[in-house]
Amino acid sequence: MSKPHYMQLPREVILGEGVIGGTGEACRRLGFAGKALIVSGPKTREIAGEKFAVSLLRASFEVEKLIVEEATVESVKSVEDK
């Protein structure tokens, strides 16, 4: 892929190489601040989770991480309790 591309639909979509590293900046641009909860499965965490967390930390977010084993209603409920 080439450099990142931005599209503004009802939501902002960012495509391109290295976009995970710009997640924190994108969240700031959208007006988010404060705490961020990263919810992922173990494999996604292994592939992209730390890059995502570092990007949020660099943008001054307080980051918490939660790994779920399955995409189930029970997993959603456990996240809601956070």
Protein backbone atom coordinates (compact mmCIF):
# COMPACT_ATOMS: atom_id res chain seq x y z
CA MET A 1 0.00 0.00 0.00
CA SER A 2 1.03 3.58 -0.43
CA LYS A 3 0.84 6.51 1.96
CA PRO A 4 -2.27 6.82 4.17
CA HIS A 5 -5.50 8.04 2.62
CA TYR A 6 -8.27 9.77 4.56
CA MET A 7 -11.99 9.60 3.80
CA GLN A 8 -14.69 11.27 5.80
CA LEU A 9 -17.97 9.40 5.60
CA PRO A 10 -20.28 9.30 8.56
CA ARG A 11 -17.06 8.06 10.16
CA GLU A 12 -13.43 8.69 9.37
CA VAL A 13 -11.69 5.86 7.49
CA ILE A 14 -7.90 5.81 7.26
CA LEU A 15 -6.21 3.38 4.88
CA GLY A 16 -2.56 2.75 4.20
CA GLU A 17 0.69 1.44 5.51
CA GLY A 18 1.55 2.32 9.09
CA VAL A 19 -1.88 3.66 10.04
CA ILE A 20 -1.92 1.85 13.39
CA GLY A 21 0.86 4.16 14.53
CA GLY A 22 -1.35 7.18 13.85
CA THR A 23 -4.34 5.93 15.83
CA GLY A 24 -3.73 8.17 18.83
CA GLU A 25 -3.43 11.27 16.66
CA ALA A 26 -6.63 10.32 14.79
CA CYS A 27 -8.51 9.87 18.08
CA ARG A 28 -7.34 13.30 19.25
CA ARG A 29 -8.41 14.87 15.94
CA LEU A 30 -11.87 13.36 16.47
CA GLY A 31 -12.08 14.98 19.90
CA PHE A 32 -11.42 11.99 22.14
CA ALA A 33 -9.34 12.40 25.31
CA GLY A 34 -8.62 10.69 28.60
CA LYS A 35 -8.83 6.92 28.99
CA ALA A 36 -8.77 4.27 26.27
CA LEU A 37 -9.58 0.59 26.66
CA ILE A 38 -8.07 -1.73 24.05
CA VAL A 39 -10.08 -4.95 23.76
CA SER A 40 -8.65 -7.69 21.56
CA GLY A 41 -8.09 -11.36 21.21
CA PRO A 42 -4.64 -12.80 21.89
CA LYS A 43 -3.64 -13.02 18.22
CA THR A 44 -4.74 -9.46 17.39
CA ARG A 45 -2.89 -8.26 20.48
CA GLU A 46 0.23 -10.03 19.26
CA ILE A 47 -0.02 -8.57 15.75
CA ALA A 48 -1.08 -4.96 16.41
CA GLY A 49 -2.01 -4.37 20.03
CA GLU A 50 1.25 -2.91 21.29
CA LYS A 51 1.65 -0.54 18.31
CA PHE A 52 -1.90 0.63 18.92
CA ALA A 53 -1.24 1.17 22.64
CA VAL A 54 2.00 3.08 22.00
CA SER A 55 0.21 5.37 19.55
CA LEU A 56 -2.47 6.15 22.12
CA LEU A 57 0.12 6.73 24.87
CA ARG A 58 2.04 9.15 22.64
CA ALA A 59 -1.20 11.09 22.15
CA SER A 60 -1.53 11.36 25.97
CA PHE A 61 -4.24 8.76 26.48
CA GLU A 62 -4.32 6.63 29.60
CA VAL A 63 -4.38 3.08 28.19
CA GLU A 64 -5.78 -0.10 29.64
CA LYS A 65 -5.71 -3.44 27.81
CA LEU A 66 -8.10 -6.36 28.02
CA ILE A 67 -7.70 -9.67 26.20
CA VAL A 68 -10.80 -11.72 25.50
CA GLU A 69 -10.64 -15.30 24.28
CA GLU A 70 -13.85 -15.31 22.24
CA ALA A 71 -16.19 -12.86 20.52
CA THR A 72 -19.23 -13.72 22.64
CA VAL A 73 -21.99 -11.91 24.52
CA GLU A 74 -20.21 -12.89 27.74
CA SER A 75 -17.02 -11.21 26.52
CA VAL A 76 -18.97 -8.05 25.74
CA LYS A 77 -20.50 -8.09 29.20
CA SER A 78 -17.06 -8.47 30.80
CA VAL A 79 -15.89 -5.40 28.88
CA GLU A 80 -18.94 -3.39 29.89
CA ASP A 81 -17.99 -4.02 33.52
CA LYS A 82 -14.65 -2.29 32.90
